[in-house]
Amino acid sequence: MLEVSIISPTFNERENLPKLVEELFSTMENISDIDIELIIVDDNSPDGTGDEAEKLALKYPLKVIHRKGKMGLGSAVMEGFKLSTRPLLGVMDADLSHDPSVIPEMIRLLDNNDIVVGTRFGDKSTVEKWRFDRKLTSFAGVYLARKITKVSDPLSGFFFLHRRVLGDMKLTSPGYKILFEILVKGNYSKVKDVPFRFRTREYSHSKLNFSEYVLFVKQLLLFS
């Protein structure tokens, strides 16, 4: 049995969260060789996301971490990793942009790989309604990060890995690019890309802002 904790950081995702949970666990319902739990890490969302998560936890294998404020996606992922006791870990967004249908494939590929990354840049990948400015900044950031990691989408927020990859490393990035830091510091040899459909957000908007880009530039300088 492959036992996996999926970490999903949230901030103002109350409307998306029930859909995410239902879609995720429906996808995994008839999968007999994989057991998942979902860990929601909420940054004190003013829209009541944390309360909604607690309601869902009464029905689904879901744990909730409530944080005092908006402390960043990277640090939320780290808290989720810390709470989990399972050997396999995953990360996905709560805004429905990451298609759960590929998750069984991604998890099973961990049999022969250390890290499995959902890539937006594969031959069979699709991105719905990708705004030109977002596309341009994404391509620029990925191009620079590829120089260091040699991975097709090192800035992806959708990935799975063995806990052993982390070892005793100290993850320091509070921002969005935690996979990039793991790829630079982690203990691994094999990374597998999986193309997926990056979907348009229905109820929320991107949390990326200028400060996140600054954090990423600092990472590039540090890891170069």
N, C-alpha and C. Protein backbone atom coordinates (compact mmCIF):
# COMPACT_ATOMS: atom_id res chain seq x y z
N MET A 1 0.84 -1.20 0.00
CA MET A 1 0.00 0.00 0.00
C MET A 1 0.88 1.25 0.00
N LEU A 2 0.60 2.16 -0.91
CA LEU A 2 1.32 3.42 -0.99
C LEU A 2 0.58 4.44 -0.13
N GLU A 3 1.21 4.87 0.95
CA GLU A 3 0.58 5.80 1.89
C GLU A 3 1.11 7.21 1.66
N VAL A 4 0.20 8.13 1.37
CA VAL A 4 0.59 9.46 0.91
C VAL A 4 -0.15 10.53 1.69
N SER A 5 0.57 11.58 2.08
CA SER A 5 -0.03 12.80 2.59
C SER A 5 0.06 13.87 1.51
N ILE A 6 -1.07 14.46 1.16
CA ILE A 6 -1.10 15.56 0.18
C ILE A 6 -1.31 16.86 0.94
N ILE A 7 -0.38 17.78 0.77
CA ILE A 7 -0.44 19.07 1.46
C ILE A 7 -1.06 20.11 0.53
N SER A 8 -2.05 20.83 1.03
CA SER A 8 -2.69 21.87 0.23
C SER A 8 -2.82 23.15 1.06
N PRO A 9 -1.95 24.12 0.83
CA PRO A 9 -2.04 25.40 1.54
C PRO A 9 -3.26 26.20 1.05
N THR A 10 -3.89 26.93 1.96
CA THR A 10 -5.08 27.69 1.57
C THR A 10 -5.05 29.10 2.13
N PHE A 11 -5.61 30.00 1.33
CA PHE A 11 -5.92 31.36 1.77
C PHE A 11 -7.10 31.84 0.93
N ASN A 12 -8.23 32.00 1.57
CA ASN A 12 -9.47 32.40 0.90
C ASN A 12 -9.86 31.43 -0.22
N GLU A 13 -10.02 30.16 0.14
CA GLU A 13 -10.42 29.13 -0.81
C GLU A 13 -11.71 28.43 -0.35
N ARG A 14 -12.55 29.09 0.40
CA ARG A 14 -13.74 28.45 0.97
C ARG A 14 -14.65 27.87 -0.11
N GLU A 15 -14.83 28.59 -1.21
CA GLU A 15 -15.72 28.09 -2.27
C GLU A 15 -15.10 26.95 -3.05
N ASN A 16 -13.78 26.95 -3.19
CA ASN A 16 -13.11 25.90 -3.95
C ASN A 16 -12.92 24.61 -3.14
N LEU A 17 -12.79 24.74 -1.83
CA LEU A 17 -12.35 23.61 -1.02
C LEU A 17 -13.29 22.40 -1.09
N PRO A 18 -14.61 22.56 -0.96
CA PRO A 18 -15.47 21.37 -1.07
C PRO A 18 -15.34 20.66 -2.42
N LYS A 19 -15.19 21.44 -3.49
CA LYS A 19 -15.02 20.84 -4.82
C LYS A 19 -13.70 20.09 -4.91
N LEU A 20 -12.65 20.69 -4.37
CA LEU A 20 -11.35 20.03 -4.38
C LEU A 20 -11.42 18.69 -3.65
N VAL A 21 -11.96 18.71 -2.44
CA VAL A 21 -12.00 17.50 -1.61
C VAL A 21 -12.84 16.42 -2.27
N GLU A 22 -14.02 16.80 -2.77
CA GLU A 22 -14.88 15.81 -3.42
C GLU A 22 -14.22 15.22 -4.66
N GLU A 23 -13.60 16.07 -5.47
CA GLU A 23 -12.96 15.60 -6.70
C GLU A 23 -11.76 14.71 -6.39
N LEU A 24 -10.97 15.12 -5.41
CA LEU A 24 -9.78 14.35 -5.05
C LEU A 24 -10.15 12.96 -4.54
N PHE A 25 -11.06 12.89 -3.59
CA PHE A 25 -11.37 11.59 -3.00
C PHE A 25 -12.25 10.74 -3.91
N SER A 26 -13.00 11.36 -4.81
CA SER A 26 -13.72 10.59 -5.82
C SER A 26 -12.74 9.93 -6.78
N THR A 27 -11.69 10.67 -7.14
CA THR A 27 -10.65 10.12 -8.01
C THR A 27 -9.99 8.90 -7.39
N MET A 28 -9.79 8.95 -6.07
CA MET A 28 -9.05 7.89 -5.39
C MET A 28 -9.95 6.78 -4.85
N GLU A 29 -11.26 6.91 -5.03
CA GLU A 29 -12.22 6.03 -4.36
C GLU A 29 -12.01 4.56 -4.67
N ASN A 30 -11.76 4.23 -5.91
CA ASN A 30 -11.62 2.82 -6.31
C ASN A 30 -10.18 2.41 -6.56
N ILE A 31 -9.25 3.18 -6.01
CA ILE A 31 -7.83 2.87 -6.14
C ILE A 31 -7.41 2.08 -4.91
N SER A 32 -7.17 0.78 -5.08
CA SER A 32 -6.96 -0.10 -3.92
C SER A 32 -5.52 -0.11 -3.41
N ASP A 33 -4.56 0.35 -4.22
CA ASP A 33 -3.16 0.26 -3.82
C ASP A 33 -2.61 1.57 -3.26
N ILE A 34 -3.47 2.59 -3.14
CA ILE A 34 -3.03 3.91 -2.66
C ILE A 34 -3.96 4.38 -1.56
N ASP A 35 -3.38 4.86 -0.47
CA ASP A 35 -4.16 5.44 0.62
C ASP A 35 -3.67 6.87 0.83
N ILE A 36 -4.59 7.84 0.71
CA ILE A 36 -4.19 9.23 0.84
C ILE A 36 -4.88 9.90 2.02
N GLU A 37 -4.22 10.87 2.57
CA GLU A 37 -4.84 11.83 3.47
C GLU A 37 -4.53 13.21 2.92
N LEU A 38 -5.43 14.15 3.19
CA LEU A 38 -5.23 15.53 2.75
C LEU A 38 -4.98 16.39 3.98
N ILE A 39 -3.93 17.19 3.92
CA ILE A 39 -3.62 18.11 5.02
C ILE A 39 -3.80 19.54 4.50
N ILE A 40 -4.81 20.21 5.02
CA ILE A 40 -5.07 21.60 4.68
C ILE A 40 -4.33 22.49 5.67
N VAL A 41 -3.53 23.41 5.15
CA VAL A 41 -2.81 24.37 6.00
C VAL A 41 -3.36 25.75 5.67
N ASP A 42 -4.18 26.28 6.56
CA ASP A 42 -4.87 27.53 6.28
C ASP A 42 -4.23 28.70 7.01
N ASP A 43 -4.00 29.77 6.26
CA ASP A 43 -3.36 30.97 6.81
C ASP A 43 -4.38 31.98 7.32
N ASN A 44 -5.25 31.49 8.22
CA ASN A 44 -6.24 32.37 8.86
C ASN A 44 -7.08 33.12 7.83
N SER A 45 -7.62 32.39 6.87
CA SER A 45 -8.40 33.00 5.79
C SER A 45 -9.61 33.75 6.33
N PRO A 46 -9.78 35.00 5.98
CA PRO A 46 -10.93 35.75 6.46
C PRO A 46 -12.27 35.29 5.89
N ASP A 47 -12.23 34.49 4.82
CA ASP A 47 -13.50 34.03 4.23
C ASP A 47 -14.03 32.76 4.88
N GLY A 48 -13.35 32.24 5.91
CA GLY A 48 -13.84 31.05 6.60
C GLY A 48 -13.38 29.73 6.02
N THR A 49 -12.29 29.75 5.26
CA THR A 49 -11.76 28.51 4.69
C THR A 49 -11.44 27.49 5.78
N GLY A 50 -10.84 27.93 6.87
CA GLY A 50 -10.48 27.01 7.95
C GLY A 50 -11.68 26.30 8.54
N ASP A 51 -12.77 27.03 8.75
CA ASP A 51 -14.00 26.43 9.28
C ASP A 51 -14.58 25.42 8.29
N GLU A 52 -14.54 25.77 7.01
CA GLU A 52 -15.03 24.85 5.98
C GLU A 52 -14.20 23.57 5.96
N ALA A 53 -12.90 23.70 6.14
CA ALA A 53 -12.02 22.53 6.18
C ALA A 53 -12.36 21.62 7.35
N GLU A 54 -12.65 22.21 8.50
CA GLU A 54 -13.02 21.41 9.68
C GLU A 54 -14.31 20.63 9.43
N LYS A 55 -15.27 21.23 8.74
CA LYS A 55 -16.51 20.52 8.41
C LYS A 55 -16.23 19.34 7.50
N LEU A 56 -15.37 19.55 6.51
CA LEU A 56 -15.04 18.48 5.57
C LEU A 56 -14.27 17.35 6.27
N ALA A 57 -13.51 17.71 7.31
CA ALA A 57 -12.72 16.71 8.05
C ALA A 57 -13.62 15.72 8.80
N LEU A 58 -14.88 16.06 8.98
CA LEU A 58 -15.81 15.13 9.63
C LEU A 58 -16.22 14.00 8.70
N LYS A 59 -16.01 14.20 7.42
CA LYS A 59 -16.45 13.22 6.42
C LYS A 59 -15.30 12.54 5.69
N TYR A 60 -14.18 13.26 5.56
CA TYR A 60 -13.06 12.76 4.76
C TYR A 60 -11.80 12.62 5.62
N PRO A 61 -10.82 11.81 5.16
CA PRO A 61 -9.53 11.71 5.86
C PRO A 61 -8.71 12.98 5.63
N LEU A 62 -9.01 13.97 6.42
CA LEU A 62 -8.47 15.31 6.21
C LEU A 62 -8.05 15.89 7.56
N LYS A 63 -6.87 16.46 7.59
CA LYS A 63 -6.36 17.15 8.78
C LYS A 63 -6.25 18.64 8.47
N VAL A 64 -6.40 19.47 9.48
CA VAL A 64 -6.37 20.91 9.28
C VAL A 64 -5.36 21.56 10.22
N ILE A 65 -4.52 22.38 9.67
CA ILE A 65 -3.61 23.21 10.45
C ILE A 65 -4.07 24.66 10.31
N HIS A 66 -4.35 25.31 11.44
CA HIS A 66 -4.75 26.70 11.43
C HIS A 66 -3.56 27.57 11.84
N ARG A 67 -3.18 28.50 10.97
CA ARG A 67 -2.06 29.38 11.28
C ARG A 67 -2.57 30.78 11.63
N LYS A 68 -1.73 31.55 12.25
CA LYS A 68 -2.16 32.83 12.80
C LYS A 68 -2.34 33.92 11.75
N GLY A 69 -1.71 33.76 10.60
CA GLY A 69 -1.80 34.80 9.58
C GLY A 69 -1.25 34.30 8.26
N LYS A 70 -1.18 35.20 7.29
CA LYS A 70 -0.68 34.85 5.97
C LYS A 70 0.84 34.79 6.00
N MET A 71 1.37 33.57 6.09
CA MET A 71 2.80 33.36 6.31
C MET A 71 3.52 32.78 5.10
N GLY A 72 2.78 32.52 4.01
CA GLY A 72 3.44 32.07 2.79
C GLY A 72 3.23 30.60 2.48
N LEU A 73 3.13 30.30 1.18
CA LEU A 73 2.86 28.93 0.75
C LEU A 73 3.98 27.98 1.12
N GLY A 74 5.22 28.40 0.94
CA GLY A 74 6.34 27.51 1.23
C GLY A 74 6.37 27.07 2.67
N SER A 75 6.19 28.01 3.59
CA SER A 75 6.20 27.66 5.01
C SER A 75 4.99 26.81 5.37
N ALA A 76 3.85 27.00 4.66
CA ALA A 76 2.67 26.17 4.89
C ALA A 76 2.95 24.72 4.49
N VAL A 77 3.59 24.55 3.35
CA VAL A 77 3.96 23.20 2.91
C VAL A 77 4.87 22.53 3.94
N MET A 78 5.83 23.29 4.46
CA MET A 78 6.74 22.73 5.45
C MET A 78 6.01 22.28 6.71
N GLU A 79 5.00 23.05 7.14
CA GLU A 79 4.22 22.64 8.31
C GLU A 79 3.43 21.37 8.02
N GLY A 80 2.90 21.27 6.81
CA GLY A 80 2.19 20.05 6.43
C GLY A 80 3.09 18.84 6.41
N PHE A 81 4.29 19.00 5.85
CA PHE A 81 5.27 17.91 5.86
C PHE A 81 5.57 17.47 7.30
N LYS A 82 5.69 18.42 8.18
CA LYS A 82 6.03 18.12 9.58
C LYS A 82 4.92 17.34 10.27
N LEU A 83 3.66 17.67 9.97
CA LEU A 83 2.54 16.97 10.60
C LEU A 83 2.41 15.54 10.09
N SER A 84 2.72 15.32 8.82
CA SER A 84 2.56 13.99 8.23
C SER A 84 3.56 12.99 8.80
N THR A 85 3.10 11.75 8.93
CA THR A 85 3.98 10.64 9.34
C THR A 85 4.15 9.62 8.20
N ARG A 86 3.67 9.95 7.03
CA ARG A 86 3.68 9.00 5.93
C ARG A 86 4.97 9.10 5.11
N PRO A 87 5.34 8.01 4.42
CA PRO A 87 6.62 8.01 3.68
C PRO A 87 6.57 8.76 2.36
N LEU A 88 5.38 8.98 1.83
CA LEU A 88 5.23 9.68 0.56
C LEU A 88 4.47 10.98 0.79
N LEU A 89 4.93 12.03 0.12
CA LEU A 89 4.35 13.36 0.32
C LEU A 89 4.00 13.98 -1.03
N GLY A 90 2.94 14.78 -1.04
CA GLY A 90 2.56 15.48 -2.25
C GLY A 90 2.13 16.90 -1.93
N VAL A 91 2.12 17.73 -2.95
CA VAL A 91 1.69 19.13 -2.81
C VAL A 91 0.79 19.46 -4.00
N MET A 92 -0.35 20.09 -3.71
CA MET A 92 -1.21 20.58 -4.78
C MET A 92 -1.94 21.82 -4.30
N ASP A 93 -2.32 22.69 -5.25
CA ASP A 93 -3.06 23.89 -4.92
C ASP A 93 -4.51 23.55 -4.59
N ALA A 94 -5.13 24.42 -3.81
CA ALA A 94 -6.53 24.23 -3.43
C ALA A 94 -7.49 24.94 -4.36
N ASP A 95 -6.99 25.64 -5.37
CA ASP A 95 -7.85 26.47 -6.22
C ASP A 95 -8.38 25.74 -7.44
N LEU A 96 -8.24 24.41 -7.48
CA LEU A 96 -8.74 23.55 -8.55
C LEU A 96 -7.94 23.66 -9.84
N SER A 97 -6.80 24.35 -9.82
CA SER A 97 -5.99 24.45 -11.03
C SER A 97 -5.23 23.16 -11.33
N HIS A 98 -4.97 22.34 -10.32
CA HIS A 98 -4.26 21.08 -10.52
C HIS A 98 -5.26 19.93 -10.66
N ASP A 99 -5.22 19.27 -11.77
CA ASP A 99 -6.19 18.23 -12.12
C ASP A 99 -5.90 16.94 -11.33
N PRO A 100 -6.79 16.53 -10.42
CA PRO A 100 -6.52 15.33 -9.60
C PRO A 100 -6.49 14.03 -10.39
N SER A 101 -6.98 14.02 -11.63
CA SER A 101 -7.07 12.77 -12.37
C SER A 101 -5.71 12.13 -12.63
N VAL A 102 -4.63 12.92 -12.59
CA VAL A 102 -3.30 12.36 -12.84
C VAL A 102 -2.61 11.90 -11.55
N ILE A 103 -3.24 12.12 -10.41
CA ILE A 103 -2.57 11.81 -9.14
C ILE A 103 -2.25 10.32 -8.98
N PRO A 104 -3.16 9.38 -9.29
CA PRO A 104 -2.76 7.96 -9.17
C PRO A 104 -1.51 7.63 -9.98
N GLU A 105 -1.42 8.13 -11.20
CA GLU A 105 -0.23 7.90 -12.02
C GLU A 105 1.01 8.49 -11.37
N MET A 106 0.90 9.72 -10.87
CA MET A 106 2.05 10.38 -10.26
C MET A 106 2.55 9.60 -9.04
N ILE A 107 1.62 9.13 -8.22
CA ILE A 107 2.01 8.39 -7.02
C ILE A 107 2.66 7.07 -7.38
N ARG A 108 2.08 6.35 -8.33
CA ARG A 108 2.65 5.05 -8.71
C ARG A 108 4.04 5.19 -9.32
N LEU A 109 4.29 6.31 -9.98
CA LEU A 109 5.62 6.52 -10.57
C LEU A 109 6.70 6.69 -9.51
N LEU A 110 6.30 6.91 -8.26
CA LEU A 110 7.29 6.98 -7.18
C LEU A 110 7.92 5.62 -6.89
N ASP A 111 7.36 4.56 -7.44
CA ASP A 111 7.98 3.24 -7.30
C ASP A 111 9.39 3.24 -7.89
N ASN A 112 9.58 4.01 -8.97
CA ASN A 112 10.87 4.00 -9.67
C ASN A 112 11.51 5.37 -9.77
N ASN A 113 10.95 6.35 -9.05
CA ASN A 113 11.48 7.71 -9.11
C ASN A 113 11.45 8.32 -7.71
N ASP A 114 12.32 9.28 -7.49
CA ASP A 114 12.39 9.95 -6.20
C ASP A 114 11.39 11.11 -6.10
N ILE A 115 11.22 11.83 -7.21
CA ILE A 115 10.31 12.97 -7.28
C ILE A 115 9.52 12.88 -8.58
N VAL A 116 8.23 13.16 -8.51
CA VAL A 116 7.38 13.20 -9.70
C VAL A 116 6.74 14.59 -9.76
N VAL A 117 6.92 15.26 -10.89
CA VAL A 117 6.49 16.66 -11.02
C VAL A 117 5.41 16.78 -12.08
N GLY A 118 4.30 17.42 -11.73
CA GLY A 118 3.31 17.78 -12.72
C GLY A 118 3.82 18.97 -13.52
N THR A 119 4.03 18.77 -14.81
CA THR A 119 4.65 19.81 -15.62
C THR A 119 3.63 20.51 -16.52
N ARG A 120 3.76 21.82 -16.60
CA ARG A 120 2.94 22.63 -17.52
C ARG A 120 3.57 22.73 -18.89
N PHE A 121 4.77 22.13 -19.08
CA PHE A 121 5.53 22.36 -20.29
C PHE A 121 5.83 21.07 -21.06
N GLY A 122 5.08 20.00 -20.78
CA GLY A 122 5.25 18.77 -21.54
C GLY A 122 4.52 18.85 -22.88
N ASP A 123 4.83 17.90 -23.76
CA ASP A 123 4.19 17.88 -25.09
C ASP A 123 2.68 17.72 -24.98
N LYS A 124 2.22 17.03 -23.95
CA LYS A 124 0.79 16.79 -23.79
C LYS A 124 0.17 17.65 -22.68
N SER A 125 0.92 18.60 -22.16
CA SER A 125 0.39 19.50 -21.13
C SER A 125 -0.47 20.57 -21.78
N THR A 126 -1.47 21.04 -21.03
CA THR A 126 -2.29 22.15 -21.49
C THR A 126 -2.49 23.13 -20.34
N VAL A 127 -2.56 24.40 -20.70
CA VAL A 127 -2.85 25.45 -19.72
C VAL A 127 -4.03 26.25 -20.23
N GLU A 128 -5.11 26.26 -19.46
CA GLU A 128 -6.32 26.95 -19.88
C GLU A 128 -6.20 28.46 -19.67
N LYS A 129 -6.56 29.22 -20.68
CA LYS A 129 -6.68 30.68 -20.58
C LYS A 129 -5.48 31.32 -19.90
N TRP A 130 -4.29 31.01 -20.41
CA TRP A 130 -3.05 31.52 -19.82
C TRP A 130 -2.82 32.95 -20.29
N ARG A 131 -2.98 33.91 -19.40
CA ARG A 131 -2.77 35.31 -19.75
C ARG A 131 -1.34 35.53 -20.24
N PHE A 132 -1.19 36.42 -21.20
CA PHE A 132 0.13 36.62 -21.82
C PHE A 132 1.18 37.04 -20.79
N ASP A 133 0.82 37.97 -19.86
CA ASP A 133 1.80 38.44 -18.89
C ASP A 133 2.22 37.33 -17.94
N ARG A 134 1.24 36.51 -17.52
CA ARG A 134 1.56 35.38 -16.63
C ARG A 134 2.40 34.34 -17.36
N LYS A 135 2.06 34.10 -18.62
CA LYS A 135 2.82 33.14 -19.41
C LYS A 135 4.26 33.60 -19.59
N LEU A 136 4.44 34.89 -19.86
CA LEU A 136 5.78 35.44 -20.07
C LEU A 136 6.63 35.32 -18.82
N THR A 137 6.07 35.70 -17.66
CA THR A 137 6.85 35.62 -16.42
C THR A 137 7.14 34.17 -16.04
N SER A 138 6.16 33.27 -16.30
CA SER A 138 6.38 31.86 -15.99
C SER A 138 7.50 31.27 -16.84
N PHE A 139 7.47 31.56 -18.13
CA PHE A 139 8.50 31.05 -19.02
C PHE A 139 9.88 31.59 -18.63
N ALA A 140 9.93 32.87 -18.26
CA ALA A 140 11.21 33.46 -17.88
C ALA A 140 11.75 32.81 -16.61
N GLY A 141 10.88 32.66 -15.60
CA GLY A 141 11.31 32.05 -14.35
C GLY A 141 11.73 30.60 -14.52
N VAL A 142 10.94 29.85 -15.28
CA VAL A 142 11.26 28.44 -15.51
C VAL A 142 12.57 28.30 -16.29
N TYR A 143 12.79 29.15 -17.26
CA TYR A 143 14.03 29.10 -18.05
C TYR A 143 15.25 29.25 -17.14
N LEU A 144 15.19 30.21 -16.23
CA LEU A 144 16.31 30.44 -15.32
C LEU A 144 16.48 29.29 -14.33
N ALA A 145 15.36 28.78 -13.80
CA ALA A 145 15.45 27.69 -12.83
C ALA A 145 15.90 26.39 -13.48
N ARG A 146 15.57 26.19 -14.74
CA ARG A 146 16.01 24.98 -15.45
C ARG A 146 17.53 24.93 -15.56
N LYS A 147 18.15 26.08 -15.67
CA LYS A 147 19.60 26.12 -15.78
C LYS A 147 20.27 25.47 -14.57
N ILE A 148 19.58 25.54 -13.44
CA ILE A 148 20.14 25.02 -12.19
C ILE A 148 19.70 23.59 -11.94
N THR A 149 18.43 23.26 -12.25
CA THR A 149 17.87 21.97 -11.85
C THR A 149 17.78 20.94 -12.97
N LYS A 150 17.74 21.38 -14.21
CA LYS A 150 17.58 20.49 -15.38
C LYS A 150 16.23 19.78 -15.38
N VAL A 151 15.23 20.33 -14.70
CA VAL A 151 13.88 19.77 -14.65
C VAL A 151 12.97 20.66 -15.47
N SER A 152 12.00 20.07 -16.20
CA SER A 152 11.21 20.84 -17.16
C SER A 152 10.35 21.92 -16.50
N ASP A 153 9.81 21.66 -15.31
CA ASP A 153 8.97 22.64 -14.63
C ASP A 153 9.37 22.73 -13.15
N PRO A 154 10.54 23.28 -12.88
CA PRO A 154 11.06 23.33 -11.50
C PRO A 154 10.29 24.28 -10.59
N LEU A 155 9.36 25.06 -11.15
CA LEU A 155 8.56 25.98 -10.35
C LEU A 155 7.13 25.48 -10.18
N SER A 156 6.88 24.23 -10.53
CA SER A 156 5.56 23.65 -10.38
C SER A 156 5.14 23.61 -8.92
N GLY A 157 3.84 23.80 -8.68
CA GLY A 157 3.31 23.65 -7.33
C GLY A 157 2.58 22.33 -7.16
N PHE A 158 2.79 21.39 -8.08
CA PHE A 158 2.07 20.11 -8.11
C PHE A 158 3.11 19.01 -8.24
N PHE A 159 3.42 18.33 -7.13
CA PHE A 159 4.48 17.34 -7.16
C PHE A 159 4.34 16.34 -6.01
N PHE A 160 5.01 15.18 -6.19
CA PHE A 160 5.05 14.13 -5.17
C PHE A 160 6.49 13.68 -5.00
N LEU A 161 6.81 13.22 -3.80
CA LEU A 161 8.18 12.79 -3.53
C LEU A 161 8.23 11.84 -2.35
N HIS A 162 9.33 11.13 -2.25
CA HIS A 162 9.62 10.32 -1.07
C HIS A 162 10.12 11.24 0.05
N ARG A 163 9.69 10.96 1.27
CA ARG A 163 10.14 11.75 2.40
C ARG A 163 11.66 11.73 2.52
N ARG A 164 12.28 10.64 2.12
CA ARG A 164 13.74 10.54 2.23
C ARG A 164 14.46 11.60 1.40
N VAL A 165 13.79 12.14 0.38
CA VAL A 165 14.40 13.20 -0.43
C VAL A 165 14.72 14.41 0.44
N LEU A 166 13.86 14.68 1.41
CA LEU A 166 14.04 15.84 2.29
C LEU A 166 15.15 15.62 3.30
N GLY A 167 15.28 14.37 3.78
CA GLY A 167 16.29 14.09 4.80
C GLY A 167 16.16 15.04 5.96
N ASP A 168 17.28 15.61 6.37
CA ASP A 168 17.25 16.59 7.46
C ASP A 168 17.50 18.01 6.94
N MET A 169 17.22 18.23 5.64
CA MET A 169 17.47 19.54 5.05
C MET A 169 16.60 20.61 5.72
N LYS A 170 17.09 21.79 5.76
CA LYS A 170 16.36 22.92 6.29
C LYS A 170 15.80 23.72 5.11
N LEU A 171 14.50 23.60 4.91
CA LEU A 171 13.84 24.36 3.85
C LEU A 171 13.57 25.77 4.36
N THR A 172 14.01 26.75 3.61
CA THR A 172 13.97 28.12 4.12
C THR A 172 13.01 29.04 3.36
N SER A 173 12.60 28.66 2.16
CA SER A 173 11.80 29.57 1.36
C SER A 173 10.37 29.66 1.87
N PRO A 174 9.90 30.86 2.25
CA PRO A 174 8.49 31.01 2.63
C PRO A 174 7.58 31.19 1.42
N GLY A 175 8.18 31.35 0.24
CA GLY A 175 7.41 31.71 -0.94
C GLY A 175 6.89 30.51 -1.71
N TYR A 176 6.54 30.76 -2.97
CA TYR A 176 5.83 29.78 -3.79
C TYR A 176 6.73 28.71 -4.40
N LYS A 177 8.02 28.90 -4.41
CA LYS A 177 8.88 28.05 -5.21
C LYS A 177 9.59 27.01 -4.35
N ILE A 178 8.84 26.31 -3.52
CA ILE A 178 9.45 25.34 -2.61
C ILE A 178 10.02 24.14 -3.37
N LEU A 179 9.39 23.74 -4.49
CA LEU A 179 9.94 22.64 -5.27
C LEU A 179 11.34 22.98 -5.76
N PHE A 180 11.54 24.20 -6.18
CA PHE A 180 12.85 24.64 -6.64
C PHE A 180 13.91 24.42 -5.56
N GLU A 181 13.59 24.78 -4.33
CA GLU A 181 14.54 24.59 -3.23
C GLU A 181 14.80 23.12 -2.97
N ILE A 182 13.74 22.31 -3.04
CA ILE A 182 13.90 20.86 -2.84
C ILE A 182 14.79 20.27 -3.93
N LEU A 183 14.60 20.71 -5.17
CA LEU A 183 15.42 20.19 -6.28
C LEU A 183 16.88 20.58 -6.13
N VAL A 184 17.14 21.72 -5.52
CA VAL A 184 18.53 22.17 -5.32
C VAL A 184 19.16 21.44 -4.13
N LYS A 185 18.42 21.26 -3.05
CA LYS A 185 19.00 20.75 -1.81
C LYS A 185 18.74 19.27 -1.55
N GLY A 186 17.76 18.67 -2.24
CA GLY A 186 17.29 17.35 -1.88
C GLY A 186 18.24 16.22 -2.22
N ASN A 187 17.96 15.06 -1.63
CA ASN A 187 18.74 13.85 -1.84
C ASN A 187 17.97 12.94 -2.81
N TYR A 188 18.26 13.04 -4.10
CA TYR A 188 17.51 12.29 -5.10
C TYR A 188 18.39 12.07 -6.32
N SER A 189 17.94 11.13 -7.16
CA SER A 189 18.65 10.89 -8.42
C SER A 189 17.72 10.86 -9.62
N LYS A 190 16.44 10.49 -9.41
CA LYS A 190 15.53 10.34 -10.54
C LYS A 190 14.29 11.21 -10.36
N VAL A 191 14.04 12.05 -11.36
CA VAL A 191 12.85 12.91 -11.39
C VAL A 191 12.05 12.57 -12.64
N LYS A 192 10.75 12.42 -12.48
CA LYS A 192 9.87 12.11 -13.60
C LYS A 192 8.85 13.22 -13.79
N ASP A 193 8.69 13.68 -15.03
CA ASP A 193 7.67 14.68 -15.37
C ASP A 193 6.38 14.00 -15.81
N VAL A 194 5.25 14.56 -15.38
CA VAL A 194 3.95 14.08 -15.83
C VAL A 194 3.16 15.27 -16.37
N PRO A 195 2.78 15.26 -17.64
CA PRO A 195 1.98 16.35 -18.18
C PRO A 195 0.58 16.34 -17.57
N PHE A 196 0.00 17.52 -17.42
CA PHE A 196 -1.36 17.59 -16.88
C PHE A 196 -2.04 18.84 -17.42
N ARG A 197 -3.33 18.95 -17.14
CA ARG A 197 -4.12 20.10 -17.56
C ARG A 197 -4.17 21.11 -16.42
N PHE A 198 -3.54 22.25 -16.62
CA PHE A 198 -3.56 23.33 -15.63
C PHE A 198 -4.83 24.13 -15.88
N ARG A 199 -5.77 24.02 -14.93
CA ARG A 199 -7.11 24.53 -15.17
C ARG A 199 -7.28 25.98 -14.71
N THR A 200 -8.26 26.65 -15.29
CA THR A 200 -8.57 28.02 -14.91
C THR A 200 -9.24 28.05 -13.55
N ARG A 201 -8.78 28.93 -12.68
CA ARG A 201 -9.41 29.08 -11.37
C ARG A 201 -10.84 29.58 -11.53
N GLU A 202 -11.76 28.97 -10.76
CA GLU A 202 -13.17 29.34 -10.90
C GLU A 202 -13.57 30.44 -9.93
N TYR A 203 -13.15 30.33 -8.68
CA TYR A 203 -13.63 31.25 -7.65
C TYR A 203 -12.55 32.13 -7.04
N SER A 204 -11.30 31.79 -7.25
CA SER A 204 -10.23 32.56 -6.60
C SER A 204 -9.28 33.11 -7.66
N HIS A 205 -8.28 33.85 -7.20
CA HIS A 205 -7.31 34.41 -8.12
C HIS A 205 -5.91 34.09 -7.63
N SER A 206 -4.95 34.26 -8.51
CA SER A 206 -3.57 33.93 -8.18
C SER A 206 -3.09 34.75 -6.98
N LYS A 207 -2.33 34.08 -6.09
CA LYS A 207 -1.77 34.77 -4.93
C LYS A 207 -0.38 35.34 -5.22
N LEU A 208 0.10 35.13 -6.44
CA LEU A 208 1.41 35.67 -6.80
C LEU A 208 1.37 37.19 -6.81
N ASN A 209 2.40 37.80 -6.25
CA ASN A 209 2.51 39.26 -6.27
C ASN A 209 3.99 39.63 -6.39
N PHE A 210 4.26 40.91 -6.34
CA PHE A 210 5.64 41.38 -6.55
C PHE A 210 6.60 40.79 -5.52
N SER A 211 6.16 40.67 -4.27
CA SER A 211 7.05 40.15 -3.22
C SER A 211 7.44 38.70 -3.50
N GLU A 212 6.54 37.92 -4.11
CA GLU A 212 6.87 36.53 -4.45
C GLU A 212 7.94 36.49 -5.54
N TYR A 213 7.88 37.40 -6.48
CA TYR A 213 8.91 37.44 -7.51
C TYR A 213 10.26 37.84 -6.91
N VAL A 214 10.23 38.73 -5.95
CA VAL A 214 11.47 39.13 -5.27
C VAL A 214 12.06 37.93 -4.55
N LEU A 215 11.22 37.16 -3.86
CA LEU A 215 11.71 35.97 -3.16
C LEU A 215 12.34 34.98 -4.14
N PHE A 216 11.73 34.84 -5.31
CA PHE A 216 12.26 33.91 -6.30
C PHE A 216 13.62 34.37 -6.83
N VAL A 217 13.75 35.65 -7.08
CA VAL A 217 15.04 36.19 -7.53
C VAL A 217 16.11 35.94 -6.49
N LYS A 218 15.77 36.10 -5.22
CA LYS A 218 16.71 35.82 -4.15
C LYS A 218 17.12 34.35 -4.15
N GLN A 219 16.14 33.45 -4.40
CA GLN A 219 16.46 32.04 -4.50
C GLN A 219 17.43 31.77 -5.64
N LEU A 220 17.17 32.36 -6.80
CA LEU A 220 18.05 32.16 -7.94
C LEU A 220 19.48 32.58 -7.62
N LEU A 221 19.63 33.73 -6.98
CA LEU A 221 20.95 34.22 -6.63
C LEU A 221 21.63 33.31 -5.62
N LEU A 222 20.83 32.80 -4.67
CA LEU A 222 21.39 31.95 -3.63
C LEU A 222 21.86 30.60 -4.17
N PHE A 223 21.05 30.04 -5.11
CA PHE A 223 21.31 28.67 -5.58
C PHE A 223 22.18 28.63 -6.83
N SER A 224 22.46 29.78 -7.41
CA SER A 224 23.28 29.79 -8.63
C SER A 224 24.75 29.47 -8.33
